[in-house]
mmCIF file of all heavy atoms, coordinates in Angstrom:
data_MODEL
# 
_entry.id   MODEL 
# 
loop_
_atom_site.group_PDB 
_atom_site.id 
_atom_site.type_symbol 
_atom_site.label_atom_id 
_atom_site.label_alt_id 
_atom_site.label_comp_id 
_atom_site.label_asym_id 
_atom_site.label_entity_id 
_atom_site.label_seq_id 
_atom_site.pdbx_PDB_ins_code 
_atom_site.Cartn_x 
_atom_site.Cartn_y 
_atom_site.Cartn_z 
_atom_site.occupancy 
_atom_site.B_iso_or_equiv 
_atom_site.pdbx_formal_charge 
_atom_site.auth_seq_id 
_atom_site.auth_comp_id 
_atom_site.auth_asym_id 
_atom_site.auth_atom_id 
_atom_site.pdbx_PDB_model_num 
ATOM 1   N N   . LEU A 1 1  ? 0.847   -1.068 0.029   1.00 0.00 ? 1  LEU A N   1 
ATOM 2   C CA  . LEU A 1 1  ? 0.006   0.012  -0.056  1.00 0.00 ? 1  LEU A CA  1 
ATOM 3   C C   . LEU A 1 1  ? 0.794   1.159  -0.015  1.00 0.00 ? 1  LEU A C   1 
ATOM 4   O O   . LEU A 1 1  ? 0.607   2.257  -0.690  1.00 0.00 ? 1  LEU A O   1 
ATOM 5   C CB  . LEU A 1 1  ? -0.903  0.014  1.246   1.00 0.00 ? 1  LEU A CB  1 
ATOM 6   C CG  . LEU A 1 1  ? -1.963  1.221  1.268   1.00 0.00 ? 1  LEU A CG  1 
ATOM 7   C CD1 . LEU A 1 1  ? -2.779  1.304  0.055   1.00 0.00 ? 1  LEU A CD1 1 
ATOM 8   C CD2 . LEU A 1 1  ? -2.733  1.046  2.639   1.00 0.00 ? 1  LEU A CD2 1 
ATOM 9   N N   . GLU A 1 2  ? 1.816   1.319  0.747   1.00 0.00 ? 2  GLU A N   1 
ATOM 10  C CA  . GLU A 1 2  ? 2.789   2.378  0.735   1.00 0.00 ? 2  GLU A CA  1 
ATOM 11  C C   . GLU A 1 2  ? 3.339   2.755  -0.577  1.00 0.00 ? 2  GLU A C   1 
ATOM 12  O O   . GLU A 1 2  ? 3.413   3.877  -0.923  1.00 0.00 ? 2  GLU A O   1 
ATOM 13  C CB  . GLU A 1 2  ? 3.846   2.266  1.898   1.00 0.00 ? 2  GLU A CB  1 
ATOM 14  C CG  . GLU A 1 2  ? 4.815   3.398  2.066   1.00 0.00 ? 2  GLU A CG  1 
ATOM 15  C CD  . GLU A 1 2  ? 5.829   3.183  3.065   1.00 0.00 ? 2  GLU A CD  1 
ATOM 16  O OE1 . GLU A 1 2  ? 5.717   2.279  4.048   1.00 0.00 ? 2  GLU A OE1 1 
ATOM 17  O OE2 . GLU A 1 2  ? 6.838   3.839  2.918   1.00 0.00 ? 2  GLU A OE2 1 
ATOM 18  N N   . SER A 1 3  ? 4.034   1.789  -1.175  1.00 0.00 ? 3  SER A N   1 
ATOM 19  C CA  . SER A 1 3  ? 4.527   2.018  -2.425  1.00 0.00 ? 3  SER A CA  1 
ATOM 20  C C   . SER A 1 3  ? 3.480   2.317  -3.451  1.00 0.00 ? 3  SER A C   1 
ATOM 21  O O   . SER A 1 3  ? 3.780   3.154  -4.361  1.00 0.00 ? 3  SER A O   1 
ATOM 22  C CB  . SER A 1 3  ? 5.444   0.906  -2.947  1.00 0.00 ? 3  SER A CB  1 
ATOM 23  O OG  . SER A 1 3  ? 4.671   -0.399 -3.099  1.00 0.00 ? 3  SER A OG  1 
ATOM 24  N N   . PHE A 1 4  ? 2.280   1.803  -3.456  1.00 0.00 ? 4  PHE A N   1 
ATOM 25  C CA  . PHE A 1 4  ? 1.189   2.085  -4.310  1.00 0.00 ? 4  PHE A CA  1 
ATOM 26  C C   . PHE A 1 4  ? 0.773   3.587  -4.219  1.00 0.00 ? 4  PHE A C   1 
ATOM 27  O O   . PHE A 1 4  ? 0.706   4.198  -5.207  1.00 0.00 ? 4  PHE A O   1 
ATOM 28  C CB  . PHE A 1 4  ? -0.066  1.274  -4.100  1.00 0.00 ? 4  PHE A CB  1 
ATOM 29  C CG  . PHE A 1 4  ? -1.228  1.574  -4.916  1.00 0.00 ? 4  PHE A CG  1 
ATOM 30  C CD1 . PHE A 1 4  ? -1.242  1.207  -6.195  1.00 0.00 ? 4  PHE A CD1 1 
ATOM 31  C CD2 . PHE A 1 4  ? -2.251  2.294  -4.465  1.00 0.00 ? 4  PHE A CD2 1 
ATOM 32  C CE1 . PHE A 1 4  ? -2.384  1.553  -6.954  1.00 0.00 ? 4  PHE A CE1 1 
ATOM 33  C CE2 . PHE A 1 4  ? -3.354  2.596  -5.163  1.00 0.00 ? 4  PHE A CE2 1 
ATOM 34  C CZ  . PHE A 1 4  ? -3.448  2.345  -6.532  1.00 0.00 ? 4  PHE A CZ  1 
ATOM 35  N N   . ARG A 1 5  ? 0.806   3.977  -2.953  1.00 0.00 ? 5  ARG A N   1 
ATOM 36  C CA  . ARG A 1 5  ? 0.395   5.446  -2.866  1.00 0.00 ? 5  ARG A CA  1 
ATOM 37  C C   . ARG A 1 5  ? 1.533   6.349  -3.358  1.00 0.00 ? 5  ARG A C   1 
ATOM 38  O O   . ARG A 1 5  ? 1.192   7.419  -3.863  1.00 0.00 ? 5  ARG A O   1 
ATOM 39  C CB  . ARG A 1 5  ? 0.115   5.702  -1.311  1.00 0.00 ? 5  ARG A CB  1 
ATOM 40  C CG  . ARG A 1 5  ? -1.050  5.171  -0.720  1.00 0.00 ? 5  ARG A CG  1 
ATOM 41  C CD  . ARG A 1 5  ? -1.221  5.437  0.831   1.00 0.00 ? 5  ARG A CD  1 
ATOM 42  N NE  . ARG A 1 5  ? -2.460  5.095  1.230   1.00 0.00 ? 5  ARG A NE  1 
ATOM 43  C CZ  . ARG A 1 5  ? -2.791  4.958  2.505   1.00 0.00 ? 5  ARG A CZ  1 
ATOM 44  N NH1 . ARG A 1 5  ? -1.830  5.353  3.485   1.00 0.00 ? 5  ARG A NH1 1 
ATOM 45  N NH2 . ARG A 1 5  ? -4.015  4.580  2.882   1.00 0.00 ? 5  ARG A NH2 1 
ATOM 46  N N   . ARG A 1 6  ? 2.728   6.074  -3.136  1.00 0.00 ? 6  ARG A N   1 
ATOM 47  C CA  . ARG A 1 6  ? 3.862   6.775  -3.806  1.00 0.00 ? 6  ARG A CA  1 
ATOM 48  C C   . ARG A 1 6  ? 3.663   6.712  -5.298  1.00 0.00 ? 6  ARG A C   1 
ATOM 49  O O   . ARG A 1 6  ? 3.821   7.952  -5.871  1.00 0.00 ? 6  ARG A O   1 
ATOM 50  C CB  . ARG A 1 6  ? 5.194   6.222  -3.438  1.00 0.00 ? 6  ARG A CB  1 
ATOM 51  C CG  . ARG A 1 6  ? 5.938   6.783  -2.265  1.00 0.00 ? 6  ARG A CG  1 
ATOM 52  C CD  . ARG A 1 6  ? 7.310   6.376  -2.273  1.00 0.00 ? 6  ARG A CD  1 
ATOM 53  N NE  . ARG A 1 6  ? 7.764   5.144  -2.765  1.00 0.00 ? 6  ARG A NE  1 
ATOM 54  C CZ  . ARG A 1 6  ? 7.901   4.061  -2.117  1.00 0.00 ? 6  ARG A CZ  1 
ATOM 55  N NH1 . ARG A 1 6  ? 7.791   4.016  -0.803  1.00 0.00 ? 6  ARG A NH1 1 
ATOM 56  N NH2 . ARG A 1 6  ? 8.286   2.922  -2.539  1.00 0.00 ? 6  ARG A NH2 1 
ATOM 57  N N   . TRP A 1 7  ? 3.325   5.706  -5.959  1.00 0.00 ? 7  TRP A N   1 
ATOM 58  C CA  . TRP A 1 7  ? 3.173   5.669  -7.417  1.00 0.00 ? 7  TRP A CA  1 
ATOM 59  C C   . TRP A 1 7  ? 1.984   6.498  -7.706  1.00 0.00 ? 7  TRP A C   1 
ATOM 60  O O   . TRP A 1 7  ? 1.963   7.284  -8.802  1.00 0.00 ? 7  TRP A O   1 
ATOM 61  C CB  . TRP A 1 7  ? 3.052   4.234  -7.785  1.00 0.00 ? 7  TRP A CB  1 
ATOM 62  C CG  . TRP A 1 7  ? 2.713   4.064  -9.232  1.00 0.00 ? 7  TRP A CG  1 
ATOM 63  C CD1 . TRP A 1 7  ? 3.461   4.423  -10.199 1.00 0.00 ? 7  TRP A CD1 1 
ATOM 64  C CD2 . TRP A 1 7  ? 1.677   3.278  -9.794  1.00 0.00 ? 7  TRP A CD2 1 
ATOM 65  N NE1 . TRP A 1 7  ? 2.902   4.127  -11.542 1.00 0.00 ? 7  TRP A NE1 1 
ATOM 66  C CE2 . TRP A 1 7  ? 1.743   3.370  -11.318 1.00 0.00 ? 7  TRP A CE2 1 
ATOM 67  C CE3 . TRP A 1 7  ? 0.560   2.563  -9.276  1.00 0.00 ? 7  TRP A CE3 1 
ATOM 68  C CZ2 . TRP A 1 7  ? 0.982   2.753  -12.185 1.00 0.00 ? 7  TRP A CZ2 1 
ATOM 69  C CZ3 . TRP A 1 7  ? -0.374  2.089  -10.258 1.00 0.00 ? 7  TRP A CZ3 1 
ATOM 70  C CH2 . TRP A 1 7  ? -0.012  2.159  -11.502 1.00 0.00 ? 7  TRP A CH2 1 
ATOM 71  N N   . ALA A 1 8  ? 0.868   6.396  -6.982  1.00 0.00 ? 8  ALA A N   1 
ATOM 72  C CA  . ALA A 1 8  ? -0.325  7.111  -7.345  1.00 0.00 ? 8  ALA A CA  1 
ATOM 73  C C   . ALA A 1 8  ? -0.222  8.645  -7.292  1.00 0.00 ? 8  ALA A C   1 
ATOM 74  O O   . ALA A 1 8  ? -0.903  9.367  -7.990  1.00 0.00 ? 8  ALA A O   1 
ATOM 75  C CB  . ALA A 1 8  ? -1.535  6.691  -6.412  1.00 0.00 ? 8  ALA A CB  1 
ATOM 76  N N   . LYS A 1 9  ? 0.643   9.141  -6.469  1.00 0.00 ? 9  LYS A N   1 
ATOM 77  C CA  . LYS A 1 9  ? 0.980   10.584 -6.195  1.00 0.00 ? 9  LYS A CA  1 
ATOM 78  C C   . LYS A 1 9  ? 2.056   10.987 -7.282  1.00 0.00 ? 9  LYS A C   1 
ATOM 79  O O   . LYS A 1 9  ? 2.277   12.210 -7.340  1.00 0.00 ? 9  LYS A O   1 
ATOM 80  C CB  . LYS A 1 9  ? 1.344   10.865 -4.819  1.00 0.00 ? 9  LYS A CB  1 
ATOM 81  C CG  . LYS A 1 9  ? 0.239   10.697 -3.851  1.00 0.00 ? 9  LYS A CG  1 
ATOM 82  C CD  . LYS A 1 9  ? 0.664   10.950 -2.481  1.00 0.00 ? 9  LYS A CD  1 
ATOM 83  C CE  . LYS A 1 9  ? -0.467  10.712 -1.448  1.00 0.00 ? 9  LYS A CE  1 
ATOM 84  N NZ  . LYS A 1 9  ? -0.036  10.931 -0.032  1.00 0.00 ? 9  LYS A NZ  1 
ATOM 85  N N   . SER A 1 10 ? 2.704   10.099 -7.872  1.00 0.00 ? 10 SER A N   1 
ATOM 86  C CA  . SER A 1 10 ? 3.766   10.550 -8.740  1.00 0.00 ? 10 SER A CA  1 
ATOM 87  C C   . SER A 1 10 ? 3.327   10.846 -10.163 1.00 0.00 ? 10 SER A C   1 
ATOM 88  O O   . SER A 1 10 ? 2.005   10.732 -10.531 1.00 0.00 ? 10 SER A O   1 
ATOM 89  C CB  . SER A 1 10 ? 4.806   9.347  -8.858  1.00 0.00 ? 10 SER A CB  1 
ATOM 90  O OG  . SER A 1 10 ? 4.384   8.327  -9.751  1.00 0.00 ? 10 SER A OG  1 
ATOM 91  N N   . ASP A 1 11 ? 4.225   11.353 -10.972 1.00 0.00 ? 11 ASP A N   1 
ATOM 92  C CA  . ASP A 1 11 ? 3.913   11.687 -12.298 1.00 0.00 ? 11 ASP A CA  1 
ATOM 93  C C   . ASP A 1 11 ? 3.769   10.447 -13.299 1.00 0.00 ? 11 ASP A C   1 
ATOM 94  O O   . ASP A 1 11 ? 3.392   10.420 -14.414 1.00 0.00 ? 11 ASP A O   1 
ATOM 95  C CB  . ASP A 1 11 ? 4.853   12.640 -13.020 1.00 0.00 ? 11 ASP A CB  1 
ATOM 96  C CG  . ASP A 1 11 ? 4.743   14.069 -12.350 1.00 0.00 ? 11 ASP A CG  1 
ATOM 97  O OD1 . ASP A 1 11 ? 3.652   14.352 -11.764 1.00 0.00 ? 11 ASP A OD1 1 
ATOM 98  O OD2 . ASP A 1 11 ? 5.818   14.881 -12.368 1.00 0.00 ? 11 ASP A OD2 1 
ATOM 99  N N   . GLU A 1 12 ? 4.230   9.269  -12.733 1.00 0.00 ? 12 GLU A N   1 
ATOM 100 C CA  . GLU A 1 12 ? 4.189   8.030  -13.408 1.00 0.00 ? 12 GLU A CA  1 
ATOM 101 C C   . GLU A 1 12 ? 2.854   7.381  -13.740 1.00 0.00 ? 12 GLU A C   1 
ATOM 102 O O   . GLU A 1 12 ? 2.638   6.714  -14.588 1.00 0.00 ? 12 GLU A O   1 
ATOM 103 C CB  . GLU A 1 12 ? 5.183   7.105  -12.847 1.00 0.00 ? 12 GLU A CB  1 
ATOM 104 C CG  . GLU A 1 12 ? 6.661   7.421  -12.790 1.00 0.00 ? 12 GLU A CG  1 
ATOM 105 C CD  . GLU A 1 12 ? 7.456   6.223  -12.115 1.00 0.00 ? 12 GLU A CD  1 
ATOM 106 O OE1 . GLU A 1 12 ? 7.246   5.138  -12.449 1.00 0.00 ? 12 GLU A OE1 1 
ATOM 107 O OE2 . GLU A 1 12 ? 8.309   6.676  -11.303 1.00 0.00 ? 12 GLU A OE2 1 
ATOM 108 N N   . LEU A 1 13 ? 1.951   7.700  -12.827 1.00 0.00 ? 13 LEU A N   1 
ATOM 109 C CA  . LEU A 1 13 ? 0.592   7.163  -12.862 1.00 0.00 ? 13 LEU A CA  1 
ATOM 110 C C   . LEU A 1 13 ? -0.003  7.716  -14.129 1.00 0.00 ? 13 LEU A C   1 
ATOM 111 O O   . LEU A 1 13 ? -0.158  8.961  -14.264 1.00 0.00 ? 13 LEU A O   1 
ATOM 112 C CB  . LEU A 1 13 ? -0.268  7.569  -11.618 1.00 0.00 ? 13 LEU A CB  1 
ATOM 113 C CG  . LEU A 1 13 ? -1.522  6.888  -11.520 1.00 0.00 ? 13 LEU A CG  1 
ATOM 114 C CD1 . LEU A 1 13 ? -1.353  5.448  -11.102 1.00 0.00 ? 13 LEU A CD1 1 
ATOM 115 C CD2 . LEU A 1 13 ? -2.425  7.545  -10.508 1.00 0.00 ? 13 LEU A CD2 1 
ATOM 116 N N   . PRO A 1 14 ? -0.644  6.800  -14.915 1.00 0.00 ? 14 PRO A N   1 
ATOM 117 C CA  . PRO A 1 14 ? -1.218  7.401  -16.176 1.00 0.00 ? 14 PRO A CA  1 
ATOM 118 C C   . PRO A 1 14 ? -2.447  8.285  -15.892 1.00 0.00 ? 14 PRO A C   1 
ATOM 119 O O   . PRO A 1 14 ? -3.126  8.004  -14.704 1.00 0.00 ? 14 PRO A O   1 
ATOM 120 C CB  . PRO A 1 14 ? -1.807  6.037  -16.808 1.00 0.00 ? 14 PRO A CB  1 
ATOM 121 C CG  . PRO A 1 14 ? -0.872  4.953  -16.293 1.00 0.00 ? 14 PRO A CG  1 
ATOM 122 C CD  . PRO A 1 14 ? -0.554  5.356  -14.872 1.00 0.00 ? 14 PRO A CD  1 
ATOM 123 N N   . GLU A 1 15 ? -2.800  9.135  -16.780 1.00 0.00 ? 15 GLU A N   1 
ATOM 124 C CA  . GLU A 1 15 ? -3.879  10.022 -16.582 1.00 0.00 ? 15 GLU A CA  1 
ATOM 125 C C   . GLU A 1 15 ? -5.304  9.411  -16.715 1.00 0.00 ? 15 GLU A C   1 
ATOM 126 O O   . GLU A 1 15 ? -6.321  9.767  -16.182 1.00 0.00 ? 15 GLU A O   1 
ATOM 127 C CB  . GLU A 1 15 ? -3.847  11.221 -17.481 1.00 0.00 ? 15 GLU A CB  1 
ATOM 128 C CG  . GLU A 1 15 ? -2.609  12.058 -17.128 1.00 0.00 ? 15 GLU A CG  1 
ATOM 129 C CD  . GLU A 1 15 ? -2.561  13.421 -18.051 1.00 0.00 ? 15 GLU A CD  1 
ATOM 130 O OE1 . GLU A 1 15 ? -3.651  13.709 -18.731 1.00 0.00 ? 15 GLU A OE1 1 
ATOM 131 O OE2 . GLU A 1 15 ? -1.436  13.932 -18.142 1.00 0.00 ? 15 GLU A OE2 1 
ATOM 132 N N   . ARG A 1 16 ? -5.301  8.370  -17.515 1.00 0.00 ? 16 ARG A N   1 
ATOM 133 C CA  . ARG A 1 16 ? -6.472  7.720  -17.770 1.00 0.00 ? 16 ARG A CA  1 
ATOM 134 C C   . ARG A 1 16 ? -6.539  6.210  -17.123 1.00 0.00 ? 16 ARG A C   1 
ATOM 135 O O   . ARG A 1 16 ? -5.468  5.658  -17.112 1.00 0.00 ? 16 ARG A O   1 
ATOM 136 C CB  . ARG A 1 16 ? -6.702  7.440  -19.277 1.00 0.00 ? 16 ARG A CB  1 
ATOM 137 C CG  . ARG A 1 16 ? -7.101  8.781  -19.995 1.00 0.00 ? 16 ARG A CG  1 
ATOM 138 C CD  . ARG A 1 16 ? -7.367  8.555  -21.470 1.00 0.00 ? 16 ARG A CD  1 
ATOM 139 N NE  . ARG A 1 16 ? -7.612  9.865  -22.001 1.00 0.00 ? 16 ARG A NE  1 
ATOM 140 C CZ  . ARG A 1 16 ? -8.759  10.016 -22.747 1.00 0.00 ? 16 ARG A CZ  1 
ATOM 141 N NH1 . ARG A 1 16 ? -9.464  9.058  -22.902 1.00 0.00 ? 16 ARG A NH1 1 
ATOM 142 N NH2 . ARG A 1 16 ? -9.009  11.210 -23.160 1.00 0.00 ? 16 ARG A NH2 1 
ATOM 143 N N   . GLY A 1 17 ? -7.705  5.959  -16.562 1.00 0.00 ? 17 GLY A N   1 
ATOM 144 C CA  . GLY A 1 17 ? -7.911  4.635  -15.900 1.00 0.00 ? 17 GLY A CA  1 
ATOM 145 C C   . GLY A 1 17 ? -8.177  4.856  -14.437 1.00 0.00 ? 17 GLY A C   1 
ATOM 146 O O   . GLY A 1 17 ? -7.964  5.916  -14.012 1.00 0.00 ? 17 GLY A O   1 
ATOM 147 N N   . ARG A 1 18 ? -8.607  3.714  -13.810 1.00 0.00 ? 18 ARG A N   1 
ATOM 148 C CA  . ARG A 1 18 ? -8.839  3.797  -12.400 1.00 0.00 ? 18 ARG A CA  1 
ATOM 149 C C   . ARG A 1 18 ? -7.925  2.818  -11.723 1.00 0.00 ? 18 ARG A C   1 
ATOM 150 O O   . ARG A 1 18 ? -7.759  1.644  -12.221 1.00 0.00 ? 18 ARG A O   1 
ATOM 151 C CB  . ARG A 1 18 ? -10.220 3.322  -12.181 1.00 0.00 ? 18 ARG A CB  1 
ATOM 152 C CG  . ARG A 1 18 ? -11.138 4.522  -12.379 1.00 0.00 ? 18 ARG A CG  1 
ATOM 153 C CD  . ARG A 1 18 ? -12.576 4.163  -12.012 1.00 0.00 ? 18 ARG A CD  1 
ATOM 154 N NE  . ARG A 1 18 ? -13.514 4.549  -13.088 1.00 0.00 ? 18 ARG A NE  1 
ATOM 155 C CZ  . ARG A 1 18 ? -14.510 3.855  -13.658 1.00 0.00 ? 18 ARG A CZ  1 
ATOM 156 N NH1 . ARG A 1 18 ? -14.867 2.605  -13.189 1.00 0.00 ? 18 ARG A NH1 1 
ATOM 157 N NH2 . ARG A 1 18 ? -15.132 4.164  -14.633 1.00 0.00 ? 18 ARG A NH2 1 
ATOM 158 N N   . PHE A 1 19 ? -7.219  3.071  -10.791 1.00 0.00 ? 19 PHE A N   1 
ATOM 159 C CA  . PHE A 1 19 ? -6.260  2.293  -10.182 1.00 0.00 ? 19 PHE A CA  1 
ATOM 160 C C   . PHE A 1 19 ? -6.504  2.197  -8.533  1.00 0.00 ? 19 PHE A C   1 
ATOM 161 O O   . PHE A 1 19 ? -6.710  3.185  -7.872  1.00 0.00 ? 19 PHE A O   1 
ATOM 162 C CB  . PHE A 1 19 ? -4.840  2.908  -10.375 1.00 0.00 ? 19 PHE A CB  1 
ATOM 163 C CG  . PHE A 1 19 ? -4.601  3.159  -11.761 1.00 0.00 ? 19 PHE A CG  1 
ATOM 164 C CD1 . PHE A 1 19 ? -4.803  4.420  -12.361 1.00 0.00 ? 19 PHE A CD1 1 
ATOM 165 C CD2 . PHE A 1 19 ? -3.889  2.208  -12.500 1.00 0.00 ? 19 PHE A CD2 1 
ATOM 166 C CE1 . PHE A 1 19 ? -4.593  4.630  -13.687 1.00 0.00 ? 19 PHE A CE1 1 
ATOM 167 C CE2 . PHE A 1 19 ? -3.818  2.407  -13.879 1.00 0.00 ? 19 PHE A CE2 1 
ATOM 168 C CZ  . PHE A 1 19 ? -4.062  3.681  -14.486 1.00 0.00 ? 19 PHE A CZ  1 
ATOM 169 N N   . SER A 1 20 ? -6.438  0.983  -8.162  1.00 0.00 ? 20 SER A N   1 
ATOM 170 C CA  . SER A 1 20 ? -6.759  0.713  -6.741  1.00 0.00 ? 20 SER A CA  1 
ATOM 171 C C   . SER A 1 20 ? -5.797  -0.306 -6.129  1.00 0.00 ? 20 SER A C   1 
ATOM 172 O O   . SER A 1 20 ? -5.364  -1.168 -6.844  1.00 0.00 ? 20 SER A O   1 
ATOM 173 C CB  . SER A 1 20 ? -8.191  0.235  -6.576  1.00 0.00 ? 20 SER A CB  1 
ATOM 174 O OG  . SER A 1 20 ? -9.200  1.118  -7.168  1.00 0.00 ? 20 SER A OG  1 
ATOM 175 N N   . PHE A 1 21 ? -5.713  -0.290 -4.814  1.00 0.00 ? 21 PHE A N   1 
ATOM 176 C CA  . PHE A 1 21 ? -5.000  -1.353 -4.091  1.00 0.00 ? 21 PHE A CA  1 
ATOM 177 C C   . PHE A 1 21 ? -5.934  -1.916 -3.192  1.00 0.00 ? 21 PHE A C   1 
ATOM 178 O O   . PHE A 1 21 ? -6.338  -1.188 -2.164  1.00 0.00 ? 21 PHE A O   1 
ATOM 179 C CB  . PHE A 1 21 ? -3.675  -0.662 -3.456  1.00 0.00 ? 21 PHE A CB  1 
ATOM 180 C CG  . PHE A 1 21 ? -2.822  -1.774 -2.885  1.00 0.00 ? 21 PHE A CG  1 
ATOM 181 C CD1 . PHE A 1 21 ? -1.801  -2.278 -3.575  1.00 0.00 ? 21 PHE A CD1 1 
ATOM 182 C CD2 . PHE A 1 21 ? -2.901  -2.130 -1.590  1.00 0.00 ? 21 PHE A CD2 1 
ATOM 183 C CE1 . PHE A 1 21 ? -0.999  -3.202 -3.147  1.00 0.00 ? 21 PHE A CE1 1 
ATOM 184 C CE2 . PHE A 1 21 ? -2.067  -3.054 -0.927  1.00 0.00 ? 21 PHE A CE2 1 
ATOM 185 C CZ  . PHE A 1 21 ? -1.115  -3.607 -1.693  1.00 0.00 ? 21 PHE A CZ  1 
ATOM 186 N N   . LEU A 1 22 ? -6.254  -3.069 -3.219  1.00 0.00 ? 22 LEU A N   1 
ATOM 187 C CA  . LEU A 1 22 ? -7.256  -3.775 -2.371  1.00 0.00 ? 22 LEU A CA  1 
ATOM 188 C C   . LEU A 1 22 ? -6.798  -5.124 -2.029  1.00 0.00 ? 22 LEU A C   1 
ATOM 189 O O   . LEU A 1 22 ? -6.570  -6.010 -2.836  1.00 0.00 ? 22 LEU A O   1 
ATOM 190 C CB  . LEU A 1 22 ? -8.657  -3.903 -3.179  1.00 0.00 ? 22 LEU A CB  1 
ATOM 191 C CG  . LEU A 1 22 ? -9.765  -4.523 -2.431  1.00 0.00 ? 22 LEU A CG  1 
ATOM 192 C CD1 . LEU A 1 22 ? -10.152 -3.759 -1.157  1.00 0.00 ? 22 LEU A CD1 1 
ATOM 193 C CD2 . LEU A 1 22 ? -10.968 -4.713 -3.331  1.00 0.00 ? 22 LEU A CD2 1 
ATOM 194 N N   . ASP A 1 23 ? -6.647  -5.439 -0.734  1.00 0.00 ? 23 ASP A N   1 
ATOM 195 C CA  . ASP A 1 23 ? -6.201  -6.691 -0.069  1.00 0.00 ? 23 ASP A CA  1 
ATOM 196 C C   . ASP A 1 23 ? -4.925  -7.229 -0.771  1.00 0.00 ? 23 ASP A C   1 
ATOM 197 O O   . ASP A 1 23 ? -4.945  -8.294 -1.126  1.00 0.00 ? 23 ASP A O   1 
ATOM 198 C CB  . ASP A 1 23 ? -7.385  -7.598 -0.239  1.00 0.00 ? 23 ASP A CB  1 
ATOM 199 C CG  . ASP A 1 23 ? -7.100  -8.816 0.654   1.00 0.00 ? 23 ASP A CG  1 
ATOM 200 O OD1 . ASP A 1 23 ? -6.512  -8.849 1.745   1.00 0.00 ? 23 ASP A OD1 1 
ATOM 201 O OD2 . ASP A 1 23 ? -7.686  -9.994 0.315   1.00 0.00 ? 23 ASP A OD2 1 
ATOM 202 N N   . GLY A 1 24 ? -3.977  -6.322 -0.912  1.00 0.00 ? 24 GLY A N   1 
ATOM 203 C CA  . GLY A 1 24 ? -2.714  -6.849 -1.515  1.00 0.00 ? 24 GLY A CA  1 
ATOM 204 C C   . GLY A 1 24 ? -2.607  -7.021 -3.029  1.00 0.00 ? 24 GLY A C   1 
ATOM 205 O O   . GLY A 1 24 ? -1.749  -7.325 -3.608  1.00 0.00 ? 24 GLY A O   1 
# 
C-alpha cells in the first residue's frame, strides 16, 4: 500500500484509468 500510494501521487501514474490497491 505504501509504494502504491507513492506511485499514485507521482507523475508516473497514467492520466486515464482507475487504479486501486485492495487486499494486496
